[in-house]
Amino acid sequence: MRVIADVNITPLGAGASLSSHVAACEEIIEEAGLKYHLHAHGTNLEGSWEEVMRVIQRCHDVLHERGAPRVDSSIRVATATDKDQSLEERVNKVEKRMR
């Protein structure tokens, strides 16, 4: 089953600047080959349930390896059985209605 997830992964106790940690997670996502979209408060991911959860777990592992004693994630996951929509299709549908 394909899922679209909105994920915010935050290392705690790793300093005030998070951009290098975000970049490390974005590299993990790219290496996994998932479709994604980085935004101001997280990342949208598209893939199978297993692929998406594996990437989230890997991000946690890497952030701990980078020295974060704690890592907190907020995850929203959407699945559908009635239609198969990509991230782009979902956004395009809304933008089309705005015109």
PDB file of N, CA and C in Angstrom:
ATOM      1  N   MET A   1       0.840  -1.181   0.000  1.00  0.00           N
ATOM      2  CA  MET A   1       0.000   0.000   0.000  1.00  0.00           C
ATOM      3  C   MET A   1       0.882   1.239   0.000  1.00  0.00           C
ATOM      4  N   ARG A   2       0.568   2.168  -0.872  1.00  0.00           N
ATOM      5  CA  ARG A   2       1.307   3.422  -0.924  1.00  0.00           C
ATOM      6  C   ARG A   2       0.751   4.392   0.101  1.00  0.00           C
ATOM      7  N   VAL A   3       1.646   5.124   0.736  1.00  0.00           N
ATOM      8  CA  VAL A   3       1.245   6.110   1.728  1.00  0.00           C
ATOM      9  C   VAL A   3       1.866   7.455   1.392  1.00  0.00           C
ATOM     10  N   ILE A   4       1.218   8.491   1.871  1.00  0.00           N
ATOM     11  CA  ILE A   4       1.783   9.833   1.865  1.00  0.00           C
ATOM     12  C   ILE A   4       1.880  10.239   3.323  1.00  0.00           C
ATOM     13  N   ALA A   5       3.073  10.615   3.735  1.00  0.00           N
ATOM     14  CA  ALA A   5       3.304  10.956   5.137  1.00  0.00           C
ATOM     15  C   ALA A   5       3.858  12.363   5.242  1.00  0.00           C
ATOM     16  N   ASP A   6       3.459  13.052   6.284  1.00  0.00           N
ATOM     17  CA  ASP A   6       4.033  14.347   6.637  1.00  0.00           C
ATOM     18  C   ASP A   6       4.831  14.105   7.909  1.00  0.00           C
ATOM     19  N   VAL A   7       6.137  14.319   7.838  1.00  0.00           N
ATOM     20  CA  VAL A   7       7.031  13.937   8.928  1.00  0.00           C
ATOM     21  C   VAL A   7       7.844  15.136   9.394  1.00  0.00           C
ATOM     22  N   ASN A   8       7.915  15.296  10.705  1.00  0.00           N
ATOM     23  CA  ASN A   8       8.782  16.289  11.318  1.00  0.00           C
ATOM     24  C   ASN A   8       9.631  15.537  12.331  1.00  0.00           C
ATOM     25  N   ILE A   9      10.935  15.446  12.057  1.00  0.00           N
ATOM     26  CA  ILE A   9      11.862  14.723  12.931  1.00  0.00           C
ATOM     27  C   ILE A   9      12.797  15.747  13.559  1.00  0.00           C
ATOM     28  N   THR A  10      12.784  15.815  14.890  1.00  0.00           N
ATOM     29  CA  THR A  10      13.546  16.835  15.598  1.00  0.00           C
ATOM     30  C   THR A  10      14.512  16.204  16.598  1.00  0.00           C
ATOM     31  N   PRO A  11      15.812  16.457  16.408  1.00  0.00           N
ATOM     32  CA  PRO A  11      16.770  15.988  17.413  1.00  0.00           C
ATOM     33  C   PRO A  11      16.712  16.914  18.630  1.00  0.00           C
ATOM     34  N   LEU A  12      16.681  16.341  19.804  1.00  0.00           N
ATOM     35  CA  LEU A  12      16.641  17.122  21.035  1.00  0.00           C
ATOM     36  C   LEU A  12      17.990  17.019  21.737  1.00  0.00           C
ATOM     37  N   GLY A  13      18.476  18.151  22.213  1.00  0.00           N
ATOM     38  CA  GLY A  13      19.758  18.160  22.903  1.00  0.00           C
ATOM     39  C   GLY A  13      20.946  18.174  21.964  1.00  0.00           C
ATOM     40  N   ALA A  14      20.699  18.563  20.710  1.00  0.00           N
ATOM     41  CA  ALA A  14      21.762  18.576  19.703  1.00  0.00           C
ATOM     42  C   ALA A  14      22.122  19.991  19.273  1.00  0.00           C
ATOM     43  N   GLY A  15      21.739  20.991  20.072  1.00  0.00           N
ATOM     44  CA  GLY A  15      22.047  22.378  19.736  1.00  0.00           C
ATOM     45  C   GLY A  15      20.866  23.084  19.110  1.00  0.00           C
ATOM     46  N   ALA A  16      21.045  24.382  18.939  1.00  0.00           N
ATOM     47  CA  ALA A  16      19.958  25.221  18.438  1.00  0.00           C
ATOM     48  C   ALA A  16      19.759  25.115  16.930  1.00  0.00           C
ATOM     49  N   SER A  17      20.827  24.908  16.182  1.00  0.00           N
ATOM     50  CA  SER A  17      20.733  24.843  14.727  1.00  0.00           C
ATOM     51  C   SER A  17      20.408  23.416  14.289  1.00  0.00           C
ATOM     52  N   LEU A  18      19.374  23.292  13.494  1.00  0.00           N
ATOM     53  CA  LEU A  18      18.934  21.969  13.066  1.00  0.00           C
ATOM     54  C   LEU A  18      19.183  21.684  11.592  1.00  0.00           C
ATOM     55  N   SER A  19      19.633  22.670  10.829  1.00  0.00           N
ATOM     56  CA  SER A  19      19.718  22.503   9.376  1.00  0.00           C
ATOM     57  C   SER A  19      20.630  21.355   8.951  1.00  0.00           C
ATOM     58  N   SER A  20      21.741  21.145   9.641  1.00  0.00           N
ATOM     59  CA  SER A  20      22.628  20.038   9.243  1.00  0.00           C
ATOM     60  C   SER A  20      21.968  18.689   9.528  1.00  0.00           C
ATOM     61  N   HIS A  21      21.161  18.624  10.569  1.00  0.00           N
ATOM     62  CA  HIS A  21      20.457  17.385  10.893  1.00  0.00           C
ATOM     63  C   HIS A  21      19.340  17.125   9.872  1.00  0.00           C
ATOM     64  N   VAL A  22      18.634  18.182   9.491  1.00  0.00           N
ATOM     65  CA  VAL A  22      17.603  18.055   8.463  1.00  0.00           C
ATOM     66  C   VAL A  22      18.241  17.578   7.163  1.00  0.00           C
ATOM     67  N   ALA A  23      19.374  18.171   6.803  1.00  0.00           N
ATOM     68  CA  ALA A  23      20.072  17.778   5.572  1.00  0.00           C
ATOM     69  C   ALA A  23      20.478  16.305   5.619  1.00  0.00           C
ATOM     70  N   ALA A  24      20.917  15.825   6.780  1.00  0.00           N
ATOM     71  CA  ALA A  24      21.302  14.414   6.909  1.00  0.00           C
ATOM     72  C   ALA A  24      20.102  13.505   6.648  1.00  0.00           C
ATOM     73  N   CYS A  25      18.942  13.884   7.156  1.00  0.00           N
ATOM     74  CA  CYS A  25      17.733  13.085   6.919  1.00  0.00           C
ATOM     75  C   CYS A  25      17.286  13.176   5.459  1.00  0.00           C
ATOM     76  N   GLU A  26      17.412  14.337   4.863  1.00  0.00           N
ATOM     77  CA  GLU A  26      17.036  14.478   3.450  1.00  0.00           C
ATOM     78  C   GLU A  26      17.913  13.588   2.571  1.00  0.00           C
ATOM     79  N   GLU A  27      19.187  13.447   2.921  1.00  0.00           N
ATOM     80  CA  GLU A  27      20.082  12.550   2.172  1.00  0.00           C
ATOM     81  C   GLU A  27      19.613  11.103   2.299  1.00  0.00           C
ATOM     82  N   ILE A  28      19.159  10.712   3.469  1.00  0.00           N
ATOM     83  CA  ILE A  28      18.643   9.357   3.683  1.00  0.00           C
ATOM     84  C   ILE A  28      17.419   9.120   2.796  1.00  0.00           C
ATOM     85  N   ILE A  29      16.550  10.113   2.719  1.00  0.00           N
ATOM     86  CA  ILE A  29      15.345  10.005   1.890  1.00  0.00           C
ATOM     87  C   ILE A  29      15.732   9.856   0.426  1.00  0.00           C
ATOM     88  N   GLU A  30      16.673  10.684  -0.025  1.00  0.00           N
ATOM     89  CA  GLU A  30      17.118  10.598  -1.417  1.00  0.00           C
ATOM     90  C   GLU A  30      17.731   9.236  -1.723  1.00  0.00           C
ATOM     91  N   GLU A  31      18.582   8.752  -0.824  1.00  0.00           N
ATOM     92  CA  GLU A  31      19.220   7.445  -1.018  1.00  0.00           C
ATOM     93  C   GLU A  31      18.184   6.325  -1.109  1.00  0.00           C
ATOM     94  N   ALA A  32      17.086   6.473  -0.388  1.00  0.00           N
ATOM     95  CA  ALA A  32      16.025   5.455  -0.403  1.00  0.00           C
ATOM     96  C   ALA A  32      15.210   5.510  -1.693  1.00  0.00           C
ATOM     97  N   GLY A  33      15.313   6.618  -2.421  1.00  0.00           N
ATOM     98  CA  GLY A  33      14.593   6.754  -3.679  1.00  0.00           C
ATOM     99  C   GLY A  33      13.130   7.126  -3.542  1.00  0.00           C
ATOM    100  N   LEU A  34      12.744   7.636  -2.376  1.00  0.00           N
ATOM    101  CA  LEU A  34      11.352   8.038  -2.179  1.00  0.00           C
ATOM    102  C   LEU A  34      11.085   9.399  -2.809  1.00  0.00           C
ATOM    103  N   LYS A  35       9.851   9.592  -3.258  1.00  0.00           N
ATOM    104  CA  LYS A  35       9.429  10.935  -3.648  1.00  0.00           C
ATOM    105  C   LYS A  35       9.262  11.722  -2.364  1.00  0.00           C
ATOM    106  N   TYR A  36       9.668  12.992  -2.390  1.00  0.00           N
ATOM    107  CA  TYR A  36       9.538  13.800  -1.177  1.00  0.00           C
ATOM    108  C   TYR A  36       9.468  15.271  -1.525  1.00  0.00           C
ATOM    109  N   HIS A  37       9.005  16.045  -0.543  1.00  0.00           N
ATOM    110  CA  HIS A  37       8.967  17.499  -0.674  1.00  0.00           C
ATOM    111  C   HIS A  37       9.300  18.092   0.691  1.00  0.00           C
ATOM    112  N   LEU A  38      10.430  18.775   0.773  1.00  0.00           N
ATOM    113  CA  LEU A  38      10.837  19.464   1.993  1.00  0.00           C
ATOM    114  C   LEU A  38      10.025  20.750   2.109  1.00  0.00           C
ATOM    115  N   HIS A  39       9.505  21.022   3.298  1.00  0.00           N
ATOM    116  CA  HIS A  39       8.803  22.276   3.542  1.00  0.00           C
ATOM    117  C   HIS A  39       9.274  22.856   4.872  1.00  0.00           C
ATOM    118  N   ALA A  40       8.760  23.987   5.261  1.00  0.00           N
ATOM    119  CA  ALA A  40       9.283  24.733   6.409  1.00  0.00           C
ATOM    120  C   ALA A  40       9.185  23.988   7.740  1.00  0.00           C
ATOM    121  N   HIS A  41       8.235  23.075   7.868  1.00  0.00           N
ATOM    122  CA  HIS A  41       8.043  22.387   9.145  1.00  0.00           C
ATOM    123  C   HIS A  41       8.194  20.882   9.052  1.00  0.00           C
ATOM    124  N   GLY A  42       8.831  20.401   7.995  1.00  0.00           N
ATOM    125  CA  GLY A  42       9.016  18.962   7.863  1.00  0.00           C
ATOM    126  C   GLY A  42       9.177  18.554   6.418  1.00  0.00           C
ATOM    127  N   THR A  43       8.814  17.303   6.151  1.00  0.00           N
ATOM    128  CA  THR A  43       8.960  16.735   4.818  1.00  0.00           C
ATOM    129  C   THR A  43       7.766  15.841   4.525  1.00  0.00           C
ATOM    130  N   ASN A  44       7.235  15.964   3.310  1.00  0.00           N
ATOM    131  CA  ASN A  44       6.222  15.030   2.833  1.00  0.00           C
ATOM    132  C   ASN A  44       6.951  13.882   2.140  1.00  0.00           C
ATOM    133  N   LEU A  45       6.571  12.651   2.460  1.00  0.00           N
ATOM    134  CA  LEU A  45       7.169  11.468   1.872  1.00  0.00           C
ATOM    135  C   LEU A  45       6.099  10.661   1.150  1.00  0.00           C
ATOM    136  N   GLU A  46       6.506   9.991   0.067  1.00  0.00           N
ATOM    137  CA  GLU A  46       5.592   9.119  -0.654  1.00  0.00           C
ATOM    138  C   GLU A  46       6.303   7.805  -0.939  1.00  0.00           C
ATOM    139  N   GLY A  47       5.661   6.704  -0.579  1.00  0.00           N
ATOM    140  CA  GLY A  47       6.236   5.389  -0.833  1.00  0.00           C
ATOM    141  C   GLY A  47       5.377   4.333  -0.174  1.00  0.00           C
ATOM    142  N   SER A  48       5.887   3.110  -0.137  1.00  0.00           N
ATOM    143  CA  SER A  48       5.142   2.066   0.565  1.00  0.00           C
ATOM    144  C   SER A  48       5.240   2.321   2.069  1.00  0.00           C
ATOM    145  N   TRP A  49       4.313   1.722   2.816  1.00  0.00           N
ATOM    146  CA  TRP A  49       4.326   1.863   4.271  1.00  0.00           C
ATOM    147  C   TRP A  49       5.698   1.471   4.808  1.00  0.00           C
ATOM    148  N   GLU A  50       6.206   0.339   4.344  1.00  0.00           N
ATOM    149  CA  GLU A  50       7.476  -0.180   4.830  1.00  0.00           C
ATOM    150  C   GLU A  50       8.635   0.758   4.500  1.00  0.00           C
ATOM    151  N   GLU A  51       8.659   1.276   3.268  1.00  0.00           N
ATOM    152  CA  GLU A  51       9.738   2.184   2.860  1.00  0.00           C
ATOM    153  C   GLU A  51       9.751   3.460   3.690  1.00  0.00           C
ATOM    154  N   VAL A  52       8.579   4.040   3.881  1.00  0.00           N
ATOM    155  CA  VAL A  52       8.474   5.290   4.634  1.00  0.00           C
ATOM    156  C   VAL A  52       8.902   5.077   6.087  1.00  0.00           C
ATOM    157  N   MET A  53       8.431   4.021   6.708  1.00  0.00           N
ATOM    158  CA  MET A  53       8.790   3.765   8.110  1.00  0.00           C
ATOM    159  C   MET A  53      10.275   3.428   8.260  1.00  0.00           C
ATOM    160  N   ARG A  54      10.822   2.730   7.283  1.00  0.00           N
ATOM    161  CA  ARG A  54      12.255   2.410   7.301  1.00  0.00           C
ATOM    162  C   ARG A  54      13.101   3.686   7.233  1.00  0.00           C
ATOM    163  N   VAL A  55      12.690   4.642   6.404  1.00  0.00           N
ATOM    164  CA  VAL A  55      13.404   5.919   6.291  1.00  0.00           C
ATOM    165  C   VAL A  55      13.310   6.697   7.602  1.00  0.00           C
ATOM    166  N   ILE A  56      12.144   6.722   8.211  1.00  0.00           N
ATOM    167  CA  ILE A  56      11.989   7.424   9.491  1.00  0.00           C
ATOM    168  C   ILE A  56      12.887   6.785  10.550  1.00  0.00           C
ATOM    169  N   GLN A  57      12.907   5.468  10.601  1.00  0.00           N
ATOM    170  CA  GLN A  57      13.769   4.775  11.564  1.00  0.00           C
ATOM    171  C   GLN A  57      15.239   5.088  11.300  1.00  0.00           C
ATOM    172  N   ARG A  58      15.626   5.094  10.033  1.00  0.00           N
ATOM    173  CA  ARG A  58      17.027   5.392   9.688  1.00  0.00           C
ATOM    174  C   ARG A  58      17.383   6.816  10.091  1.00  0.00           C
ATOM    175  N   CYS A  59      16.473   7.763   9.904  1.00  0.00           N
ATOM    176  CA  CYS A  59      16.730   9.142  10.335  1.00  0.00           C
ATOM    177  C   CYS A  59      16.947   9.200  11.841  1.00  0.00           C
ATOM    178  N   HIS A  60      16.132   8.500  12.591  1.00  0.00           N
ATOM    179  CA  HIS A  60      16.314   8.454  14.045  1.00  0.00           C
ATOM    180  C   HIS A  60      17.702   7.902  14.378  1.00  0.00           C
ATOM    181  N   ASP A  61      18.058   6.792  13.743  1.00  0.00           N
ATOM    182  CA  ASP A  61      19.364   6.170  14.014  1.00  0.00           C
ATOM    183  C   ASP A  61      20.511   7.127  13.725  1.00  0.00           C
ATOM    184  N   VAL A  62      20.447   7.799  12.574  1.00  0.00           N
ATOM    185  CA  VAL A  62      21.526   8.713  12.181  1.00  0.00           C
ATOM    186  C   VAL A  62      21.603   9.913  13.114  1.00  0.00           C
ATOM    187  N   LEU A  63      20.469  10.458  13.518  1.00  0.00           N
ATOM    188  CA  LEU A  63      20.496  11.611  14.421  1.00  0.00           C
ATOM    189  C   LEU A  63      21.073  11.226  15.785  1.00  0.00           C
ATOM    190  N   HIS A  64      20.780  10.026  16.248  1.00  0.00           N
ATOM    191  CA  HIS A  64      21.411   9.556  17.489  1.00  0.00           C
ATOM    192  C   HIS A  64      22.918   9.393  17.287  1.00  0.00           C
ATOM    193  N   GLU A  65      23.308   8.837  16.144  1.00  0.00           N
ATOM    194  CA  GLU A  65      24.738   8.684  15.834  1.00  0.00           C
ATOM    195  C   GLU A  65      25.443  10.042  15.779  1.00  0.00           C
ATOM    196  N   ARG A  66      24.710  11.063  15.372  1.00  0.00           N
ATOM    197  CA  ARG A  66      25.274  12.418  15.280  1.00  0.00           C
ATOM    198  C   ARG A  66      25.307  13.129  16.633  1.00  0.00           C
ATOM    199  N   GLY A  67      24.878  12.455  17.688  1.00  0.00           N
ATOM    200  CA  GLY A  67      25.003  13.020  19.021  1.00  0.00           C
ATOM    201  C   GLY A  67      23.730  13.474  19.703  1.00  0.00           C
ATOM    202  N   ALA A  68      22.594  13.330  19.051  1.00  0.00           N
ATOM    203  CA  ALA A  68      21.341  13.733  19.685  1.00  0.00           C
ATOM    204  C   ALA A  68      20.928  12.661  20.695  1.00  0.00           C
ATOM    205  N   PRO A  69      20.815  13.014  21.973  1.00  0.00           N
ATOM    206  CA  PRO A  69      20.423  12.013  22.956  1.00  0.00           C
ATOM    207  C   PRO A  69      18.956  11.592  22.820  1.00  0.00           C
ATOM    208  N   ARG A  70      18.138  12.476  22.233  1.00  0.00           N
ATOM    209  CA  ARG A  70      16.718  12.190  22.024  1.00  0.00           C
ATOM    210  C   ARG A  70      16.302  12.683  20.646  1.00  0.00           C
ATOM    211  N   VAL A  71      15.370  11.976  20.059  1.00  0.00           N
ATOM    212  CA  VAL A  71      14.817  12.373  18.762  1.00  0.00           C
ATOM    213  C   VAL A  71      13.306  12.230  18.856  1.00  0.00           C
ATOM    214  N   ASP A  72      12.600  13.293  18.467  1.00  0.00           N
ATOM    215  CA  ASP A  72      11.148  13.329  18.533  1.00  0.00           C
ATOM    216  C   ASP A  72      10.590  13.437  17.114  1.00  0.00           C
ATOM    217  N   SER A  73       9.612  12.615  16.791  1.00  0.00           N
ATOM    218  CA  SER A  73       8.986  12.671  15.471  1.00  0.00           C
ATOM    219  C   SER A  73       7.485  12.877  15.590  1.00  0.00           C
ATOM    220  N   SER A  74       6.962  13.723  14.717  1.00  0.00           N
ATOM    221  CA  SER A  74       5.523  13.866  14.519  1.00  0.00           C
ATOM    222  C   SER A  74       5.245  13.340  13.125  1.00  0.00           C
ATOM    223  N   ILE A  75       4.339  12.395  13.030  1.00  0.00           N
ATOM    224  CA  ILE A  75       4.081  11.728  11.755  1.00  0.00           C
ATOM    225  C   ILE A  75       2.580  11.695  11.496  1.00  0.00           C
ATOM    226  N   ARG A  76       2.193  12.166  10.313  1.00  0.00           N
ATOM    227  CA  ARG A  76       0.808  12.018   9.855  1.00  0.00           C
ATOM    228  C   ARG A  76       0.871  11.172   8.592  1.00  0.00           C
ATOM    229  N   VAL A  77       0.060  10.137   8.523  1.00  0.00           N
ATOM    230  CA  VAL A  77       0.093   9.216   7.394  1.00  0.00           C
ATOM    231  C   VAL A  77      -1.295   9.123   6.770  1.00  0.00           C
ATOM    232  N   ALA A  78      -1.337   9.222   5.453  1.00  0.00           N
ATOM    233  CA  ALA A  78      -2.594   9.073   4.715  1.00  0.00           C
ATOM    234  C   ALA A  78      -2.486   7.874   3.777  1.00  0.00           C
ATOM    235  N   THR A  79      -3.518   7.048   3.803  1.00  0.00           N
ATOM    236  CA  THR A  79      -3.631   5.933   2.861  1.00  0.00           C
ATOM    237  C   THR A  79      -5.002   6.020   2.202  1.00  0.00           C
ATOM    238  N   ALA A  80      -5.113   5.429   1.034  1.00  0.00           N
ATOM    239  CA  ALA A  80      -6.394   5.424   0.331  1.00  0.00           C
ATOM    240  C   ALA A  80      -6.526   4.135  -0.465  1.00  0.00           C
ATOM    241  N   THR A  81      -7.722   3.595  -0.494  1.00  0.00           N
ATOM    242  CA  THR A  81      -7.985   2.419  -1.314  1.00  0.00           C
ATOM    243  C   THR A  81      -8.860   2.748  -2.523  1.00  0.00           C
ATOM    244  N   ASP A  82      -9.465   3.943  -2.516  1.00  0.00           N
ATOM    245  CA  ASP A  82     -10.374   4.304  -3.606  1.00  0.00           C
ATOM    246  C   ASP A  82      -9.682   4.973  -4.779  1.00  0.00           C
ATOM    247  N   LYS A  83      -8.487   5.531  -4.558  1.00  0.00           N
ATOM    248  CA  LYS A  83      -7.735   6.149  -5.657  1.00  0.00           C
ATOM    249  C   LYS A  83      -6.266   6.180  -5.297  1.00  0.00           C
ATOM    250  N   ASP A  84      -5.458   6.303  -6.323  1.00  0.00           N
ATOM    251  CA  ASP A  84      -4.010   6.289  -6.157  1.00  0.00           C
ATOM    252  C   ASP A  84      -3.476   7.660  -6.568  1.00  0.00           C
ATOM    253  N   GLN A  85      -3.301   8.565  -5.609  1.00  0.00           N
ATOM    254  CA  GLN A  85      -2.849   9.926  -5.887  1.00  0.00           C
ATOM    255  C   GLN A  85      -1.442  10.146  -5.365  1.00  0.00           C
ATOM    256  N   SER A  86      -0.620  10.804  -6.173  1.00  0.00           N
ATOM    257  CA  SER A  86       0.731  11.158  -5.755  1.00  0.00           C
ATOM    258  C   SER A  86       0.699  12.486  -5.001  1.00  0.00           C
ATOM    259  N   LEU A  87       1.833  12.825  -4.410  1.00  0.00           N
ATOM    260  CA  LEU A  87       1.965  14.134  -3.754  1.00  0.00           C
ATOM    261  C   LEU A  87       1.611  15.251  -4.725  1.00  0.00           C
ATOM    262  N   GLU A  88       2.197  15.177  -5.919  1.00  0.00           N
ATOM    263  CA  GLU A  88       1.983  16.234  -6.916  1.00  0.00           C
ATOM    264  C   GLU A  88       0.521  16.336  -7.312  1.00  0.00           C
ATOM    265  N   GLU A  89      -0.119  15.197  -7.510  1.00  0.00           N
ATOM    266  CA  GLU A  89      -1.529  15.210  -7.909  1.00  0.00           C
ATOM    267  C   GLU A  89      -2.412  15.836  -6.831  1.00  0.00           C
ATOM    268  N   ARG A  90      -2.104  15.540  -5.582  1.00  0.00           N
ATOM    269  CA  ARG A  90      -2.906  16.104  -4.493  1.00  0.00           C
ATOM    270  C   ARG A  90      -2.765  17.621  -4.434  1.00  0.00           C
ATOM    271  N   VAL A  91      -1.546  18.118  -4.582  1.00  0.00           N
ATOM    272  CA  VAL A  91      -1.307  19.562  -4.557  1.00  0.00           C
ATOM    273  C   VAL A  91      -1.909  20.221  -5.795  1.00  0.00           C
ATOM    274  N   ASN A  92      -1.693  19.616  -6.958  1.00  0.00           N
ATOM    275  CA  ASN A  92      -2.221  20.186  -8.199  1.00  0.00           C
ATOM    276  C   ASN A  92      -3.741  20.303  -8.180  1.00  0.00           C
ATOM    277  N   LYS A  93      -4.403  19.337  -7.575  1.00  0.00           N
ATOM    278  CA  LYS A  93      -5.867  19.367  -7.513  1.00  0.00           C
ATOM    279  C   LYS A  93      -6.354  20.589  -6.734  1.00  0.00           C
ATOM    280  N   VAL A  94      -5.703  20.896  -5.631  1.00  0.00           N
ATOM    281  CA  VAL A  94      -6.080  22.064  -4.830  1.00  0.00           C
ATOM    282  C   VAL A  94      -5.748  23.351  -5.584  1.00  0.00           C
ATOM    283  N   GLU A  95      -4.547  23.417  -6.153  1.00  0.00           N
ATOM    284  CA  GLU A  95      -4.144  24.630  -6.888  1.00  0.00           C
ATOM    285  C   GLU A  95      -5.059  24.903  -8.061  1.00  0.00           C
ATOM    286  N   LYS A  96      -5.531  23.863  -8.719  1.00  0.00           N
ATOM    287  CA  LYS A  96      -6.436  24.017  -9.848  1.00  0.00           C
ATOM    288  C   LYS A  96      -7.748  24.672  -9.396  1.00  0.00           C
ATOM    289  N   ARG A  97      -8.237  24.301  -8.231  1.00  0.00           N
ATOM    290  CA  ARG A  97      -9.484  24.879  -7.705  1.00  0.00           C
ATOM    291  C   ARG A  97      -9.312  26.342  -7.301  1.00  0.00           C
ATOM    292  N   MET A  98      -8.085  26.749  -7.033  1.00  0.00           N
ATOM    293  CA  MET A  98      -7.817  28.121  -6.605  1.00  0.00           C
ATOM    294  C   MET A  98      -7.799  29.096  -7.775  1.00  0.00           C
ATOM    295  N   ARG A  99      -7.683  28.592  -8.974  1.00  0.00           N
ATOM    296  CA  ARG A  99      -7.602  29.470 -10.157  1.00  0.00           C
ATOM    297  C   ARG A  99      -8.932  29.965 -10.598  1.00  0.00           C
TER     298      ARG A  99
END
